[in-house]
Protein backbone atom coordinates (compact mmCIF):
# COMPACT_ATOMS: atom_id res chain seq x y z
CA MET A 1 9.47 -42.09 -35.74
CA SER A 2 12.27 -44.94 -35.39
CA GLN A 3 13.27 -48.20 -34.20
CA TYR A 4 14.77 -46.56 -30.79
CA PHE A 5 10.91 -47.21 -29.78
CA ILE A 6 11.58 -50.57 -31.05
CA LEU A 7 14.31 -51.45 -29.20
CA ALA A 8 13.07 -50.01 -25.98
CA ALA A 9 10.12 -52.58 -26.36
CA ALA A 10 11.94 -55.20 -26.57
CA VAL A 11 14.22 -54.73 -23.80
CA LEU A 12 11.18 -54.31 -21.53
CA VAL A 13 9.24 -57.59 -23.15
CA ALA A 14 12.86 -59.28 -21.82
CA LEU A 15 12.53 -58.45 -18.70
CA PRO A 16 9.43 -60.49 -17.39
CA ILE A 17 10.83 -63.16 -19.35
CA PHE A 18 13.48 -63.35 -17.01
CA LEU A 19 11.82 -63.11 -14.36
CA PHE A 20 9.64 -65.56 -14.63
CA LEU A 21 10.16 -68.52 -17.07
CA TRP A 22 12.68 -70.52 -14.18
CA ARG A 23 9.16 -70.56 -12.59
CA ARG A 24 7.08 -72.87 -14.42
CA ARG A 25 3.82 -72.80 -12.41
CA ARG A 26 4.01 -68.51 -13.49
CA ILE A 27 4.00 -69.12 -17.25
CA ALA A 28 0.07 -68.36 -16.78
CA LYS A 29 1.24 -65.19 -15.13
CA ALA A 30 4.10 -64.68 -17.40
CA ALA A 31 2.16 -64.31 -20.12
CA GLN A 32 -0.65 -62.16 -19.17
CA GLY A 33 2.01 -59.51 -17.89
CA ILE A 34 3.57 -59.71 -21.35
CA VAL A 35 0.62 -59.04 -23.50
CA ARG A 36 -0.42 -56.37 -21.06
CA ARG A 37 2.76 -54.29 -21.32
CA VAL A 38 3.11 -54.93 -24.78
CA ASP A 39 -0.40 -53.93 -25.34
CA SER A 40 0.17 -50.95 -23.16
CA ALA A 41 3.50 -49.99 -25.08
CA PHE A 42 2.09 -49.97 -28.21
CA GLN A 43 -1.29 -48.14 -27.52
CA ALA A 44 -2.77 -45.16 -29.52
CA ASN A 45 -2.07 -41.54 -28.81
CA HIS A 46 0.98 -41.62 -27.17
CA VAL A 47 1.43 -38.38 -24.90
CA PHE A 48 5.63 -36.71 -25.71
CA ARG A 49 6.94 -33.65 -23.95
CA LYS A 50 9.83 -31.77 -24.29
CA VAL A 51 12.38 -32.08 -21.40
CA GLN A 52 15.85 -31.25 -19.58
CA ALA A 53 18.28 -33.60 -19.37
CA GLN A 54 19.41 -32.69 -15.75
CA ASP A 55 16.15 -34.30 -15.04
CA TYR A 56 17.61 -37.55 -15.86
CA PRO A 57 20.87 -37.99 -13.61
CA TRP A 58 20.94 -41.87 -14.25
CA LEU A 59 21.90 -41.33 -18.05
CA THR A 60 24.90 -40.86 -19.33
CA GLU A 61 25.47 -36.90 -19.69
CA ARG A 62 29.05 -37.50 -21.56
CA PHE A 63 27.61 -40.16 -24.29
CA TYR A 64 24.12 -37.46 -24.86
CA THR A 65 26.72 -34.93 -25.13
CA GLN A 66 29.78 -36.53 -27.67
CA ALA A 67 26.56 -37.87 -30.14
CA ARG A 68 25.70 -33.88 -30.34
CA GLN A 69 28.73 -32.54 -30.93
CA GLU A 70 29.28 -35.38 -33.93
CA ALA A 71 25.92 -34.58 -35.56
CA GLU A 72 26.54 -30.77 -35.15
CA ALA A 73 29.90 -30.96 -36.51
CA ALA A 74 27.86 -33.02 -39.36
CA GLY A 75 25.53 -30.04 -39.88
CA PHE A 76 22.36 -31.71 -37.36
CA ALA A 77 21.05 -28.76 -35.07
CA TRP A 78 19.34 -29.79 -32.23
CA LEU A 79 15.92 -30.35 -32.04
CA ALA A 80 14.17 -31.28 -28.82
CA ASP A 81 15.18 -33.59 -25.79
CA ILE A 82 11.90 -35.48 -26.06
CA GLU A 83 9.96 -38.20 -23.59
CA ASP A 84 7.35 -40.98 -24.35
CA GLU A 85 5.30 -40.16 -21.11
CA THR A 86 3.08 -43.50 -22.16
CA LEU A 87 5.70 -45.22 -22.29
CA SER A 88 7.51 -44.38 -19.24
CA ALA A 89 4.19 -44.95 -17.60
CA THR A 90 4.38 -48.41 -18.14
CA TYR A 91 8.18 -49.12 -17.67
CA PRO A 92 8.98 -46.53 -14.80
CA ASN A 93 12.11 -48.30 -14.14
CA LEU A 94 13.40 -47.75 -17.85
CA ARG A 95 12.43 -44.09 -18.11
CA THR A 96 14.93 -42.30 -20.67
CA PHE A 97 14.98 -39.32 -23.31
CA VAL A 98 15.36 -39.54 -26.95
CA ARG A 99 17.47 -36.26 -28.03
CA ILE A 100 16.28 -35.43 -31.86
CA LEU A 101 18.68 -33.34 -33.96
CA LEU A 102 17.49 -32.84 -38.02
CA GLY A 103 20.21 -33.14 -40.61
CA PRO A 104 20.85 -29.94 -42.81
CA ASP A 105 18.53 -31.14 -45.42
CA HIS A 106 15.77 -32.07 -43.03
CA ARG A 107 15.35 -34.71 -44.64
CA THR A 108 17.56 -37.00 -42.21
CA ARG A 109 17.08 -36.73 -38.49
CA ALA A 110 19.67 -38.70 -35.38
CA ALA A 111 18.26 -39.61 -32.73
CA VAL A 112 19.90 -40.91 -29.60
CA TYR A 113 18.98 -42.41 -26.36
CA GLU A 114 20.33 -44.33 -23.46
CA ILE A 115 18.47 -47.12 -21.46
CA VAL A 116 19.30 -47.71 -17.91
CA PRO A 117 17.16 -50.44 -16.79
CA GLY A 118 16.45 -49.64 -12.53
CA GLY A 119 18.10 -46.04 -13.24
CA PRO A 120 15.64 -44.08 -12.41
CA GLN A 121 15.00 -45.96 -8.55
CA GLY A 122 18.68 -45.97 -8.42
CA LYS A 123 19.26 -49.08 -8.59
CA PRO A 124 20.50 -50.54 -12.14
CA THR A 125 20.19 -53.79 -12.43
CA ARG A 126 21.91 -54.35 -16.24
CA ALA A 127 24.30 -53.17 -18.24
CA PRO A 128 23.13 -49.34 -19.95
CA VAL A 129 21.97 -49.76 -23.80
CA GLN A 130 22.98 -47.02 -26.30
CA THR A 131 21.77 -46.62 -29.33
CA ARG A 132 22.44 -44.22 -31.90
CA GLU A 133 19.88 -43.66 -35.41
CA LEU A 134 19.57 -42.23 -38.08
CA ILE A 135 15.61 -41.84 -39.96
CA SER A 136 14.34 -40.95 -43.13
CA GLU A 137 10.47 -40.69 -44.02
CA ALA A 138 9.81 -41.73 -47.21
CA SER A 139 6.61 -39.88 -48.90
CA ASP A 140 5.07 -43.38 -49.64
CA GLY A 141 5.11 -43.67 -46.16
CA ALA A 142 7.84 -46.03 -45.76
CA THR A 143 10.88 -45.35 -42.57
CA LEU A 144 14.38 -45.93 -43.36
CA THR A 145 16.59 -46.57 -40.26
CA THR A 146 20.15 -46.95 -39.64
CA THR A 147 20.73 -47.94 -36.25
CA THR A 148 23.63 -49.13 -33.73
CA ALA A 149 21.14 -51.31 -32.20
CA GLN A 150 21.65 -55.20 -32.03
CA THR A 151 19.41 -57.14 -34.09
CA SER A 152 18.72 -59.83 -31.29
CA ASN A 153 17.56 -56.72 -29.29
CA LEU A 154 15.01 -55.56 -32.02
CA LEU A 155 11.46 -57.05 -32.68
CA ASN A 156 10.71 -57.55 -36.00
CA PRO A 157 10.39 -54.61 -38.38
CA PRO A 158 6.75 -54.27 -39.39
CA PRO A 159 5.69 -53.51 -42.94
CA GLY A 160 7.28 -50.18 -44.38
CA THR A 161 10.53 -50.07 -42.13
CA VAL A 162 13.86 -50.29 -44.12
CA ARG A 163 16.21 -51.58 -41.57
CA ARG A 164 19.80 -51.48 -41.35
CA HIS A 165 22.58 -52.15 -38.99
CA VAL A 166 25.92 -51.01 -38.10
CA SER A 167 28.19 -51.79 -34.92
CA ALA A 168 27.93 -49.75 -31.67
CA ASP A 169 31.42 -47.88 -32.32
CA THR A 170 30.37 -46.49 -35.50
CA PRO A 171 31.12 -43.41 -36.21
CA LEU A 172 28.73 -40.90 -37.47
CA LYS A 173 30.29 -40.14 -40.85
CA ALA A 174 30.19 -44.03 -41.93
CA MET A 175 26.74 -44.36 -40.65
CA LEU A 176 25.78 -41.42 -43.06
CA ALA A 177 27.40 -43.22 -45.81
CA THR A 178 25.66 -46.29 -44.98
CA HIS A 179 22.00 -44.56 -44.35
CA ARG A 180 22.62 -42.39 -47.65
CA GLN A 181 23.31 -45.57 -49.56
CA ALA A 182 19.91 -46.96 -48.18
CA ILE A 183 18.10 -44.56 -49.05
CA ASP A 184 19.65 -44.17 -52.52
CA ASP A 185 18.93 -48.25 -52.65
CA TYR A 186 15.13 -47.36 -51.96
CA LEU A 187 14.37 -44.31 -53.86
CA SER A 188 15.65 -46.35 -57.14
CA ALA A 189 13.33 -48.50 -56.10
CA HIS A 190 10.69 -46.95 -56.08
CA PRO A 191 10.88 -44.42 -58.70
CA GLY A 192 8.51 -41.05 -57.83
CA VAL A 193 9.27 -41.82 -53.95
CA PHE A 194 10.99 -38.84 -52.37
CA LEU A 195 12.17 -38.17 -48.32
CA LYS A 196 10.05 -35.92 -46.51
CA GLU A 197 10.55 -33.15 -44.80
CA ILE A 198 10.92 -33.15 -40.68
CA ARG A 199 10.90 -29.34 -39.39
CA SER A 200 9.37 -29.49 -36.22
CA PHE A 201 8.75 -30.63 -32.76
CA GLU A 202 4.94 -31.86 -34.01
CA GLN A 203 6.33 -33.41 -37.38
CA ALA A 204 9.10 -35.36 -35.14
CA THR A 205 6.57 -36.75 -33.07
CA ALA A 206 3.72 -37.87 -35.58
CA ALA A 207 6.70 -39.73 -37.08
CA TRP A 208 7.05 -40.94 -34.17
CA GLN A 209 3.54 -42.17 -33.06
CA LYS A 210 3.77 -43.31 -37.15
CA SER A 211 6.13 -45.98 -36.33
CA ILE A 212 4.12 -47.12 -33.28
CA ASP A 213 0.93 -47.50 -34.59
CA ARG A 214 2.97 -49.24 -37.47
CA GLN A 215 4.21 -51.75 -34.47
CA ARG A 216 0.48 -52.17 -33.10
CA GLU A 217 -0.99 -53.00 -36.70
CA LYS A 218 1.56 -55.86 -37.35
CA LEU A 219 1.10 -57.22 -33.57
CA GLN A 220 -2.59 -57.39 -34.16
CA ALA A 221 -2.31 -58.87 -37.27
CA GLN A 222 -0.25 -61.65 -35.97
CA GLY A 223 -1.81 -61.88 -32.74
CA GLY A 224 0.71 -60.83 -30.59
CA LEU A 225 4.52 -61.03 -30.41
CA GLY A 226 5.91 -63.80 -32.88
CA GLN A 227 7.08 -67.14 -31.24
CA ASP A 228 10.46 -66.35 -32.59
CA GLU A 229 11.17 -63.24 -31.10
CA MET A 230 10.08 -64.65 -27.35
CA VAL A 231 12.39 -67.46 -27.98
CA ARG A 232 15.07 -64.66 -29.27
CA PHE A 233 14.27 -62.52 -25.86
CA GLY A 234 14.09 -65.68 -23.58
CA GLY A 235 17.39 -67.06 -24.68
CA LYS A 236 18.42 -70.29 -26.34
CA ASP A 237 18.30 -72.52 -22.89
CA ARG A 238 14.89 -71.25 -22.21
CA GLU A 239 13.57 -72.15 -25.25
CA LYS A 240 10.92 -74.31 -24.55
CA LEU A 241 9.64 -72.71 -21.80
CA ALA A 242 9.50 -69.28 -24.35
CA VAL A 243 7.24 -71.26 -26.71
CA GLU A 244 5.16 -72.26 -23.81
CA VAL A 245 4.95 -68.98 -22.44
CA HIS A 246 3.87 -67.82 -25.83
CA GLU A 247 1.30 -70.28 -26.51
CA GLN A 248 -0.22 -69.14 -23.51
CA MET A 249 -0.47 -65.40 -24.69
CA ARG A 250 -1.63 -66.56 -28.39
CA LYS A 251 -4.74 -67.92 -26.30
CA ILE A 252 -4.80 -64.42 -24.22
CA LYS A 253 -4.88 -62.00 -27.43
CA LYS A 254 -7.34 -65.29 -29.02
CA ASP A 255 -10.07 -64.19 -26.14
CA GLN A 256 -9.67 -60.69 -26.19
């Protein structure tokens, strides 16, 4: 549905790299773990469920509340708080929920989420990652997203995804202006294409699953994560080791 899932996956993939790359003898184990987690994160038929915010005490209630208030002031309406149970099962230490709000025309929706590594276990290990996004679905299958997520935390977008970035402190009004410009640019370049309406939990999660499927297809086509992604997540000081882990991952995927 949105790049927020891709952001989550990128953060999760980075963790085993940081844990393992400093021990060269564990390169093979690191590669096996990353391949397993990526395959699990992008599997078909994810399970989504509506949840209650109070059941996630490790997340920042104020962040979610303020984002909802700002969106509602702009005419958005809350749809649901949603957890991807499939992703949570793969990465229980990064469990979260996504707050979805629908725009007044039902052609743009907002997604709000926070990731607190280790938070569900009461042992946060890194600073929280807070993200706000605007998403629209085009009739030709494309997804247009405007996000506060940093490019460095994201997987490369798959074909059919148009992504624009704004800073984390960008007001919603400015995000909407950027998103509307992206929509205008895309529709002008694709005559006859229009934006689809999203009105229900079922439609929203179906769009979410579509983004997962699209990323899985990209990964399958290129044989797993790209080397540039591995180097980016591992950090410049670990570039050589990241390349070695990537080579092991390619071998594993080739033998599958």
